[in-house]
Amino acid sequence: LEDAVTDVVARHESLRTVFPAVDGVPHQRVLDADEARTGLPVHETTEAGLPALMAAARDRRFDLATDLPLRADLFALAPDEHVLHLVLHHIAGDGWSL
């Protein structure tokens, strides 16, 4: 699953773009696919604990100077039940794009 998310990021420049500042002015920097691995942390939880963890993942701020505009988390409810949670910053996608 982590490889699948990484593959999607590698295929879309907007998902592997960061915005570091040079002399106080942000500029666009498209990372090579090898640099743009999102990772896929796995969080053990219960169905009751899932909403709070998803809200915390949703509310975590992006640092666009260094963070990719896509974040992925996998919540493990049981050995055979998981929830994939994706958060996309509006700089990389908006309602019209989706």
PDB file of N, CA and C in Angstrom:
ATOM      1  N   LEU A   1       0.829  -1.192   0.000  1.00  0.00           N
ATOM      2  CA  LEU A   1       0.000   0.000   0.000  1.00  0.00           C
ATOM      3  C   LEU A   1       0.872   1.253   0.000  1.00  0.00           C
ATOM      4  N   GLU A   2       1.951   1.222   0.784  1.00  0.00           N
ATOM      5  CA  GLU A   2       2.861   2.367   0.790  1.00  0.00           C
ATOM      6  C   GLU A   2       3.457   2.579  -0.596  1.00  0.00           C
ATOM      7  N   ASP A   3       3.810   1.499  -1.280  1.00  0.00           N
ATOM      8  CA  ASP A   3       4.350   1.622  -2.637  1.00  0.00           C
ATOM      9  C   ASP A   3       3.322   2.213  -3.595  1.00  0.00           C
ATOM     10  N   ALA A   4       2.044   1.884  -3.417  1.00  0.00           N
ATOM     11  CA  ALA A   4       0.994   2.423  -4.278  1.00  0.00           C
ATOM     12  C   ALA A   4       0.847   3.933  -4.075  1.00  0.00           C
ATOM     13  N   VAL A   5       0.866   4.371  -2.828  1.00  0.00           N
ATOM     14  CA  VAL A   5       0.783   5.812  -2.547  1.00  0.00           C
ATOM     15  C   VAL A   5       2.008   6.515  -3.126  1.00  0.00           C
ATOM     16  N   THR A   6       3.173   5.922  -2.948  1.00  0.00           N
ATOM     17  CA  THR A   6       4.409   6.493  -3.487  1.00  0.00           C
ATOM     18  C   THR A   6       4.343   6.578  -5.006  1.00  0.00           C
ATOM     19  N   ASP A   7       3.766   5.578  -5.638  1.00  0.00           N
ATOM     20  CA  ASP A   7       3.633   5.586  -7.098  1.00  0.00           C
ATOM     21  C   ASP A   7       2.737   6.729  -7.568  1.00  0.00           C
ATOM     22  N   VAL A   8       1.634   6.961  -6.870  1.00  0.00           N
ATOM     23  CA  VAL A   8       0.741   8.073  -7.228  1.00  0.00           C
ATOM     24  C   VAL A   8       1.484   9.397  -7.086  1.00  0.00           C
ATOM     25  N   VAL A   9       2.226   9.562  -6.009  1.00  0.00           N
ATOM     26  CA  VAL A   9       2.997  10.796  -5.789  1.00  0.00           C
ATOM     27  C   VAL A   9       4.041  10.968  -6.899  1.00  0.00           C
ATOM     28  N   ALA A  10       4.699   9.894  -7.273  1.00  0.00           N
ATOM     29  CA  ALA A  10       5.729   9.963  -8.315  1.00  0.00           C
ATOM     30  C   ALA A  10       5.141  10.382  -9.659  1.00  0.00           C
ATOM     31  N   ARG A  11       3.907  10.019  -9.922  1.00  0.00           N
ATOM     32  CA  ARG A  11       3.264  10.324 -11.207  1.00  0.00           C
ATOM     33  C   ARG A  11       2.744  11.755 -11.321  1.00  0.00           C
ATOM     34  N   HIS A  12       2.594  12.436 -10.184  1.00  0.00           N
ATOM     35  CA  HIS A  12       1.973  13.767 -10.195  1.00  0.00           C
ATOM     36  C   HIS A  12       2.901  14.791  -9.545  1.00  0.00           C
ATOM     37  N   GLU A  13       3.440  15.691 -10.361  1.00  0.00           N
ATOM     38  CA  GLU A  13       4.371  16.706  -9.854  1.00  0.00           C
ATOM     39  C   GLU A  13       3.776  17.528  -8.722  1.00  0.00           C
ATOM     40  N   SER A  14       2.498  17.840  -8.805  1.00  0.00           N
ATOM     41  CA  SER A  14       1.890  18.685  -7.767  1.00  0.00           C
ATOM     42  C   SER A  14       1.940  18.012  -6.392  1.00  0.00           C
ATOM     43  N   LEU A  15       2.004  16.680  -6.367  1.00  0.00           N
ATOM     44  CA  LEU A  15       2.054  15.956  -5.093  1.00  0.00           C
ATOM     45  C   LEU A  15       3.474  15.814  -4.554  1.00  0.00           C
ATOM     46  N   ARG A  16       4.453  16.162  -5.372  1.00  0.00           N
ATOM     47  CA  ARG A  16       5.845  16.085  -4.904  1.00  0.00           C
ATOM     48  C   ARG A  16       6.550  17.446  -5.022  1.00  0.00           C
ATOM     49  N   THR A  17       5.753  18.482  -4.792  1.00  0.00           N
ATOM     50  CA  THR A  17       6.264  19.841  -4.848  1.00  0.00           C
ATOM     51  C   THR A  17       6.265  20.456  -3.453  1.00  0.00           C
ATOM     52  N   VAL A  18       7.373  21.083  -3.097  1.00  0.00           N
ATOM     53  CA  VAL A  18       7.492  21.830  -1.845  1.00  0.00           C
ATOM     54  C   VAL A  18       7.753  23.288  -2.202  1.00  0.00           C
ATOM     55  N   PHE A  19       7.640  24.152  -1.214  1.00  0.00           N
ATOM     56  CA  PHE A  19       7.734  25.594  -1.452  1.00  0.00           C
ATOM     57  C   PHE A  19       8.683  26.255  -0.452  1.00  0.00           C
ATOM     58  N   PRO A  20       9.994  25.980  -0.570  1.00  0.00           N
ATOM     59  CA  PRO A  20      10.944  26.624   0.339  1.00  0.00           C
ATOM     60  C   PRO A  20      11.097  28.106  -0.003  1.00  0.00           C
ATOM     61  N   ALA A  21      11.491  28.870   0.996  1.00  0.00           N
ATOM     62  CA  ALA A  21      11.707  30.306   0.788  1.00  0.00           C
ATOM     63  C   ALA A  21      13.181  30.564   0.478  1.00  0.00           C
ATOM     64  N   VAL A  22      13.417  31.419  -0.496  1.00  0.00           N
ATOM     65  CA  VAL A  22      14.752  31.890  -0.829  1.00  0.00           C
ATOM     66  C   VAL A  22      14.709  33.409  -0.686  1.00  0.00           C
ATOM     67  N   ASP A  23      15.519  33.923   0.204  1.00  0.00           N
ATOM     68  CA  ASP A  23      15.503  35.362   0.516  1.00  0.00           C
ATOM     69  C   ASP A  23      14.104  35.819   0.923  1.00  0.00           C
ATOM     70  N   GLY A  24      13.413  34.976   1.673  1.00  0.00           N
ATOM     71  CA  GLY A  24      12.098  35.322   2.187  1.00  0.00           C
ATOM     72  C   GLY A  24      10.949  35.156   1.200  1.00  0.00           C
ATOM     73  N   VAL A  25      11.241  34.683  -0.003  1.00  0.00           N
ATOM     74  CA  VAL A  25      10.203  34.522  -1.019  1.00  0.00           C
ATOM     75  C   VAL A  25      10.041  33.036  -1.342  1.00  0.00           C
ATOM     76  N   PRO A  26       8.853  32.480  -1.107  1.00  0.00           N
ATOM     77  CA  PRO A  26       8.646  31.061  -1.421  1.00  0.00           C
ATOM     78  C   PRO A  26       8.753  30.813  -2.927  1.00  0.00           C
ATOM     79  N   HIS A  27       9.330  29.681  -3.280  1.00  0.00           N
ATOM     80  CA  HIS A  27       9.358  29.277  -4.682  1.00  0.00           C
ATOM     81  C   HIS A  27       9.056  27.790  -4.782  1.00  0.00           C
ATOM     82  N   GLN A  28       8.636  27.390  -5.942  1.00  0.00           N
ATOM     83  CA  GLN A  28       8.241  26.011  -6.180  1.00  0.00           C
ATOM     84  C   GLN A  28       9.471  25.153  -6.453  1.00  0.00           C
ATOM     85  N   ARG A  29       9.531  23.990  -5.801  1.00  0.00           N
ATOM     86  CA  ARG A  29      10.601  23.024  -6.054  1.00  0.00           C
ATOM     87  C   ARG A  29       9.969  21.648  -6.196  1.00  0.00           C
ATOM     88  N   VAL A  30      10.053  21.086  -7.396  1.00  0.00           N
ATOM     89  CA  VAL A  30       9.504  19.763  -7.657  1.00  0.00           C
ATOM     90  C   VAL A  30      10.582  18.744  -7.308  1.00  0.00           C
ATOM     91  N   LEU A  31      10.273  17.868  -6.374  1.00  0.00           N
ATOM     92  CA  LEU A  31      11.222  16.847  -5.946  1.00  0.00           C
ATOM     93  C   LEU A  31      11.261  15.700  -6.944  1.00  0.00           C
ATOM     94  N   ASP A  32      12.412  15.059  -7.062  1.00  0.00           N
ATOM     95  CA  ASP A  32      12.500  13.819  -7.820  1.00  0.00           C
ATOM     96  C   ASP A  32      11.644  12.778  -7.113  1.00  0.00           C
ATOM     97  N   ALA A  33      11.172  11.818  -7.871  1.00  0.00           N
ATOM     98  CA  ALA A  33      10.321  10.775  -7.292  1.00  0.00           C
ATOM     99  C   ALA A  33      11.020  10.060  -6.141  1.00  0.00           C
ATOM    100  N   ASP A  34      12.324   9.868  -6.231  1.00  0.00           N
ATOM    101  CA  ASP A  34      13.062   9.188  -5.162  1.00  0.00           C
ATOM    102  C   ASP A  34      13.081   9.993  -3.867  1.00  0.00           C
ATOM    103  N   GLU A  35      13.015  11.314  -3.976  1.00  0.00           N
ATOM    104  CA  GLU A  35      13.022  12.196  -2.799  1.00  0.00           C
ATOM    105  C   GLU A  35      11.641  12.324  -2.163  1.00  0.00           C
ATOM    106  N   ALA A  36      10.616  11.940  -2.884  1.00  0.00           N
ATOM    107  CA  ALA A  36       9.249  12.269  -2.504  1.00  0.00           C
ATOM    108  C   ALA A  36       8.484  11.089  -1.911  1.00  0.00           C
ATOM    109  N   ARG A  37       9.113  10.304  -1.105  1.00  0.00           N
ATOM    110  CA  ARG A  37       8.413   9.187  -0.451  1.00  0.00           C
ATOM    111  C   ARG A  37       7.588   9.741   0.706  1.00  0.00           C
ATOM    112  N   THR A  38       6.322   9.417   0.725  1.00  0.00           N
ATOM    113  CA  THR A  38       5.431   9.940   1.758  1.00  0.00           C
ATOM    114  C   THR A  38       5.520   9.158   3.058  1.00  0.00           C
ATOM    115  N   GLY A  39       5.842   7.876   2.952  1.00  0.00           N
ATOM    116  CA  GLY A  39       5.760   7.014   4.120  1.00  0.00           C
ATOM    117  C   GLY A  39       4.305   6.671   4.383  1.00  0.00           C
ATOM    118  N   LEU A  40       4.087   5.660   5.153  1.00  0.00           N
ATOM    119  CA  LEU A  40       2.732   5.267   5.515  1.00  0.00           C
ATOM    120  C   LEU A  40       2.741   4.742   6.938  1.00  0.00           C
ATOM    121  N   PRO A  41       2.694   5.664   7.911  1.00  0.00           N
ATOM    122  CA  PRO A  41       2.675   5.210   9.299  1.00  0.00           C
ATOM    123  C   PRO A  41       1.407   4.418   9.593  1.00  0.00           C
ATOM    124  N   VAL A  42       1.569   3.368  10.376  1.00  0.00           N
ATOM    125  CA  VAL A  42       0.442   2.525  10.778  1.00  0.00           C
ATOM    126  C   VAL A  42       0.163   2.791  12.251  1.00  0.00           C
ATOM    127  N   HIS A  43      -1.101   3.097  12.550  1.00  0.00           N
ATOM    128  CA  HIS A  43      -1.514   3.416  13.912  1.00  0.00           C
ATOM    129  C   HIS A  43      -2.532   2.364  14.361  1.00  0.00           C
ATOM    130  N   GLU A  44      -2.201   1.641  15.408  1.00  0.00           N
ATOM    131  CA  GLU A  44      -3.138   0.670  15.978  1.00  0.00           C
ATOM    132  C   GLU A  44      -4.210   1.446  16.745  1.00  0.00           C
ATOM    133  N   THR A  45      -5.468   1.100  16.516  1.00  0.00           N
ATOM    134  CA  THR A  45      -6.560   1.785  17.209  1.00  0.00           C
ATOM    135  C   THR A  45      -7.788   0.885  17.254  1.00  0.00           C
ATOM    136  N   THR A  46      -8.816   1.415  17.846  1.00  0.00           N
ATOM    137  CA  THR A  46     -10.112   0.730  17.882  1.00  0.00           C
ATOM    138  C   THR A  46     -11.097   1.558  17.072  1.00  0.00           C
ATOM    139  N   GLU A  47     -12.251   1.002  16.803  1.00  0.00           N
ATOM    140  CA  GLU A  47     -13.272   1.753  16.077  1.00  0.00           C
ATOM    141  C   GLU A  47     -13.682   3.000  16.866  1.00  0.00           C
ATOM    142  N   ALA A  48     -13.739   2.876  18.190  1.00  0.00           N
ATOM    143  CA  ALA A  48     -14.104   4.024  19.026  1.00  0.00           C
ATOM    144  C   ALA A  48     -13.027   5.108  19.004  1.00  0.00           C
ATOM    145  N   GLY A  49     -11.764   4.711  18.903  1.00  0.00           N
ATOM    146  CA  GLY A  49     -10.672   5.677  18.891  1.00  0.00           C
ATOM    147  C   GLY A  49     -10.384   6.281  17.534  1.00  0.00           C
ATOM    148  N   LEU A  50     -10.941   5.687  16.476  1.00  0.00           N
ATOM    149  CA  LEU A  50     -10.645   6.126  15.119  1.00  0.00           C
ATOM    150  C   LEU A  50     -11.008   7.583  14.831  1.00  0.00           C
ATOM    151  N   PRO A  51     -12.191   8.067  15.176  1.00  0.00           N
ATOM    152  CA  PRO A  51     -12.531   9.457  14.842  1.00  0.00           C
ATOM    153  C   PRO A  51     -11.542  10.481  15.407  1.00  0.00           C
ATOM    154  N   ALA A  52     -11.103  10.298  16.623  1.00  0.00           N
ATOM    155  CA  ALA A  52     -10.162  11.253  17.221  1.00  0.00           C
ATOM    156  C   ALA A  52      -8.817  11.216  16.511  1.00  0.00           C
ATOM    157  N   LEU A  53      -8.345  10.021  16.160  1.00  0.00           N
ATOM    158  CA  LEU A  53      -7.064   9.917  15.453  1.00  0.00           C
ATOM    159  C   LEU A  53      -7.152  10.517  14.052  1.00  0.00           C
ATOM    160  N   MET A  54      -8.278  10.284  13.386  1.00  0.00           N
ATOM    161  CA  MET A  54      -8.457  10.865  12.047  1.00  0.00           C
ATOM    162  C   MET A  54      -8.539  12.388  12.117  1.00  0.00           C
ATOM    163  N   ALA A  55      -9.215  12.903  13.138  1.00  0.00           N
ATOM    164  CA  ALA A  55      -9.306  14.356  13.302  1.00  0.00           C
ATOM    165  C   ALA A  55      -7.931  14.952  13.569  1.00  0.00           C
ATOM    166  N   ALA A  56      -7.125  14.278  14.393  1.00  0.00           N
ATOM    167  CA  ALA A  56      -5.779  14.769  14.682  1.00  0.00           C
ATOM    168  C   ALA A  56      -4.918  14.754  13.415  1.00  0.00           C
ATOM    169  N   ALA A  57      -5.045  13.714  12.611  1.00  0.00           N
ATOM    170  CA  ALA A  57      -4.285  13.637  11.355  1.00  0.00           C
ATOM    171  C   ALA A  57      -4.729  14.730  10.391  1.00  0.00           C
ATOM    172  N   ARG A  58      -6.025  14.973  10.347  1.00  0.00           N
ATOM    173  CA  ARG A  58      -6.577  16.022   9.482  1.00  0.00           C
ATOM    174  C   ARG A  58      -6.091  17.402   9.899  1.00  0.00           C
ATOM    175  N   ASP A  59      -6.024  17.637  11.196  1.00  0.00           N
ATOM    176  CA  ASP A  59      -5.702  18.964  11.717  1.00  0.00           C
ATOM    177  C   ASP A  59      -4.210  19.261  11.804  1.00  0.00           C
ATOM    178  N   ARG A  60      -3.363  18.258  11.575  1.00  0.00           N
ATOM    179  CA  ARG A  60      -1.911  18.481  11.606  1.00  0.00           C
ATOM    180  C   ARG A  60      -1.535  19.426  10.473  1.00  0.00           C
ATOM    181  N   ARG A  61      -0.843  20.495  10.810  1.00  0.00           N
ATOM    182  CA  ARG A  61      -0.500  21.514   9.825  1.00  0.00           C
ATOM    183  C   ARG A  61       0.598  21.049   8.891  1.00  0.00           C
ATOM    184  N   PHE A  62       0.578  21.563   7.676  1.00  0.00           N
ATOM    185  CA  PHE A  62       1.626  21.323   6.697  1.00  0.00           C
ATOM    186  C   PHE A  62       2.674  22.421   6.811  1.00  0.00           C
ATOM    187  N   ASP A  63       3.934  22.068   6.688  1.00  0.00           N
ATOM    188  CA  ASP A  63       5.007  23.032   6.488  1.00  0.00           C
ATOM    189  C   ASP A  63       5.403  22.890   5.029  1.00  0.00           C
ATOM    190  N   LEU A  64       4.840  23.730   4.177  1.00  0.00           N
ATOM    191  CA  LEU A  64       5.015  23.565   2.736  1.00  0.00           C
ATOM    192  C   LEU A  64       6.448  23.794   2.270  1.00  0.00           C
ATOM    193  N   ALA A  65       7.292  24.326   3.136  1.00  0.00           N
ATOM    194  CA  ALA A  65       8.708  24.463   2.780  1.00  0.00           C
ATOM    195  C   ALA A  65       9.381  23.095   2.716  1.00  0.00           C
ATOM    196  N   THR A  66       8.873  22.142   3.496  1.00  0.00           N
ATOM    197  CA  THR A  66       9.516  20.831   3.560  1.00  0.00           C
ATOM    198  C   THR A  66       8.564  19.656   3.382  1.00  0.00           C
ATOM    199  N   ASP A  67       7.282  19.833   3.688  1.00  0.00           N
ATOM    200  CA  ASP A  67       6.321  18.731   3.630  1.00  0.00           C
ATOM    201  C   ASP A  67       5.702  18.615   2.247  1.00  0.00           C
ATOM    202  N   LEU A  68       5.529  17.375   1.800  1.00  0.00           N
ATOM    203  CA  LEU A  68       4.734  17.151   0.599  1.00  0.00           C
ATOM    204  C   LEU A  68       3.294  17.548   0.896  1.00  0.00           C
ATOM    205  N   PRO A  69       2.525  17.959  -0.123  1.00  0.00           N
ATOM    206  CA  PRO A  69       1.146  18.384   0.124  1.00  0.00           C
ATOM    207  C   PRO A  69       0.153  17.230   0.231  1.00  0.00           C
ATOM    208  N   LEU A  70       0.666  16.007   0.357  1.00  0.00           N
ATOM    209  CA  LEU A  70      -0.182  14.844   0.571  1.00  0.00           C
ATOM    210  C   LEU A  70       0.359  14.059   1.751  1.00  0.00           C
ATOM    211  N   ARG A  71      -0.527  13.719   2.666  1.00  0.00           N
ATOM    212  CA  ARG A  71      -0.149  12.897   3.824  1.00  0.00           C
ATOM    213  C   ARG A  71      -1.027  11.662   3.842  1.00  0.00           C
ATOM    214  N   ALA A  72      -0.440  10.538   4.195  1.00  0.00           N
ATOM    215  CA  ALA A  72      -1.184   9.285   4.287  1.00  0.00           C
ATOM    216  C   ALA A  72      -0.930   8.650   5.650  1.00  0.00           C
ATOM    217  N   ASP A  73      -1.972   8.138   6.259  1.00  0.00           N
ATOM    218  CA  ASP A  73      -1.892   7.375   7.504  1.00  0.00           C
ATOM    219  C   ASP A  73      -2.763   6.145   7.342  1.00  0.00           C
ATOM    220  N   LEU A  74      -2.321   5.046   7.925  1.00  0.00           N
ATOM    221  CA  LEU A  74      -3.105   3.817   7.917  1.00  0.00           C
ATOM    222  C   LEU A  74      -3.482   3.485   9.355  1.00  0.00           C
ATOM    223  N   PHE A  75      -4.774   3.345   9.591  1.00  0.00           N
ATOM    224  CA  PHE A  75      -5.277   3.016  10.924  1.00  0.00           C
ATOM    225  C   PHE A  75      -5.685   1.550  10.933  1.00  0.00           C
ATOM    226  N   ALA A  76      -5.045   0.774  11.800  1.00  0.00           N
ATOM    227  CA  ALA A  76      -5.317  -0.660  11.910  1.00  0.00           C
ATOM    228  C   ALA A  76      -6.314  -0.900  13.024  1.00  0.00           C
ATOM    229  N   LEU A  77      -7.501  -1.354  12.646  1.00  0.00           N
ATOM    230  CA  LEU A  77      -8.555  -1.654  13.617  1.00  0.00           C
ATOM    231  C   LEU A  77      -8.494  -3.114  14.053  1.00  0.00           C
ATOM    232  N   ALA A  78      -8.032  -3.973  13.155  1.00  0.00           N
ATOM    233  CA  ALA A  78      -7.904  -5.405  13.405  1.00  0.00           C
ATOM    234  C   ALA A  78      -6.900  -5.936  12.384  1.00  0.00           C
ATOM    235  N   PRO A  79      -6.425  -7.160  12.532  1.00  0.00           N
ATOM    236  CA  PRO A  79      -5.467  -7.688  11.559  1.00  0.00           C
ATOM    237  C   PRO A  79      -5.979  -7.660  10.119  1.00  0.00           C
ATOM    238  N   ASP A  80      -7.295  -7.708   9.945  1.00  0.00           N
ATOM    239  CA  ASP A  80      -7.858  -7.722   8.598  1.00  0.00           C
ATOM    240  C   ASP A  80      -8.768  -6.521   8.314  1.00  0.00           C
ATOM    241  N   GLU A  81      -8.643  -5.455   9.099  1.00  0.00           N
ATOM    242  CA  GLU A  81      -9.472  -4.265   8.902  1.00  0.00           C
ATOM    243  C   GLU A  81      -8.643  -3.011   9.127  1.00  0.00           C
ATOM    244  N   HIS A  82      -8.536  -2.206   8.069  1.00  0.00           N
ATOM    245  CA  HIS A  82      -7.721  -0.999   8.101  1.00  0.00           C
ATOM    246  C   HIS A  82      -8.474   0.149   7.445  1.00  0.00           C
ATOM    247  N   VAL A  83      -8.103   1.372   7.817  1.00  0.00           N
ATOM    248  CA  VAL A  83      -8.646   2.583   7.205  1.00  0.00           C
ATOM    249  C   VAL A  83      -7.466   3.399   6.689  1.00  0.00           C
ATOM    250  N   LEU A  84      -7.488   3.673   5.382  1.00  0.00           N
ATOM    251  CA  LEU A  84      -6.474   4.537   4.781  1.00  0.00           C
ATOM    252  C   LEU A  84      -7.007   5.964   4.824  1.00  0.00           C
ATOM    253  N   HIS A  85      -6.233   6.864   5.415  1.00  0.00           N
ATOM    254  CA  HIS A  85      -6.638   8.266   5.588  1.00  0.00           C
ATOM    255  C   HIS A  85      -5.664   9.136   4.811  1.00  0.00           C
ATOM    256  N   LEU A  86      -6.169   9.870   3.829  1.00  0.00           N
ATOM    257  CA  LEU A  86      -5.346  10.767   3.024  1.00  0.00           C
ATOM    258  C   LEU A  86      -5.762  12.203   3.284  1.00  0.00           C
ATOM    259  N   VAL A  87      -4.776  13.085   3.434  1.00  0.00           N
ATOM    260  CA  VAL A  87      -5.032  14.518   3.592  1.00  0.00           C
ATOM    261  C   VAL A  87      -4.263  15.217   2.478  1.00  0.00           C
ATOM    262  N   LEU A  88      -4.976  16.009   1.693  1.00  0.00           N
ATOM    263  CA  LEU A  88      -4.395  16.728   0.569  1.00  0.00           C
ATOM    264  C   LEU A  88      -4.490  18.223   0.830  1.00  0.00           C
ATOM    265  N   HIS A  89      -3.368  18.910   0.821  1.00  0.00           N
ATOM    266  CA  HIS A  89      -3.371  20.363   1.002  1.00  0.00           C
ATOM    267  C   HIS A  89      -3.991  21.007  -0.236  1.00  0.00           C
ATOM    268  N   HIS A  90      -4.726  22.073  -0.039  1.00  0.00           N
ATOM    269  CA  HIS A  90      -5.419  22.722  -1.153  1.00  0.00           C
ATOM    270  C   HIS A  90      -4.469  23.321  -2.185  1.00  0.00           C
ATOM    271  N   ILE A  91      -3.186  23.457  -1.863  1.00  0.00           N
ATOM    272  CA  ILE A  91      -2.234  23.962  -2.852  1.00  0.00           C
ATOM    273  C   ILE A  91      -2.019  22.943  -3.974  1.00  0.00           C
ATOM    274  N   ALA A  92      -2.302  21.671  -3.697  1.00  0.00           N
ATOM    275  CA  ALA A  92      -2.092  20.610  -4.690  1.00  0.00           C
ATOM    276  C   ALA A  92      -3.397  20.117  -5.306  1.00  0.00           C
ATOM    277  N   GLY A  93      -4.497  20.403  -4.681  1.00  0.00           N
ATOM    278  CA  GLY A  93      -5.770  19.959  -5.214  1.00  0.00           C
ATOM    279  C   GLY A  93      -6.904  20.695  -4.535  1.00  0.00           C
ATOM    280  N   ASP A  94      -7.930  20.997  -5.296  1.00  0.00           N
ATOM    281  CA  ASP A  94      -9.090  21.682  -4.729  1.00  0.00           C
ATOM    282  C   ASP A  94     -10.357  20.947  -5.160  1.00  0.00           C
ATOM    283  N   GLY A  95     -11.489  21.454  -4.797  1.00  0.00           N
ATOM    284  CA  GLY A  95     -12.757  20.805  -5.147  1.00  0.00           C
ATOM    285  C   GLY A  95     -12.921  20.596  -6.639  1.00  0.00           C
ATOM    286  N   TRP A  96     -12.528  21.581  -7.429  1.00  0.00           N
ATOM    287  CA  TRP A  96     -12.642  21.460  -8.881  1.00  0.00           C
ATOM    288  C   TRP A  96     -11.742  20.332  -9.386  1.00  0.00           C
ATOM    289  N   SER A  97     -10.535  20.238  -8.879  1.00  0.00           N
ATOM    290  CA  SER A  97      -9.579  19.199  -9.314  1.00  0.00           C
ATOM    291  C   SER A  97     -10.077  17.807  -8.960  1.00  0.00           C
ATOM    292  N   LEU A  98     -10.694  17.682  -7.770  1.00  0.00           N
ATOM    293  CA  LEU A  98     -11.128  16.371  -7.323  1.00  0.00           C
ATOM    294  C   LEU A  98     -12.337  15.912  -8.110  1.00  0.00           C
TER     295      LEU A  98
END
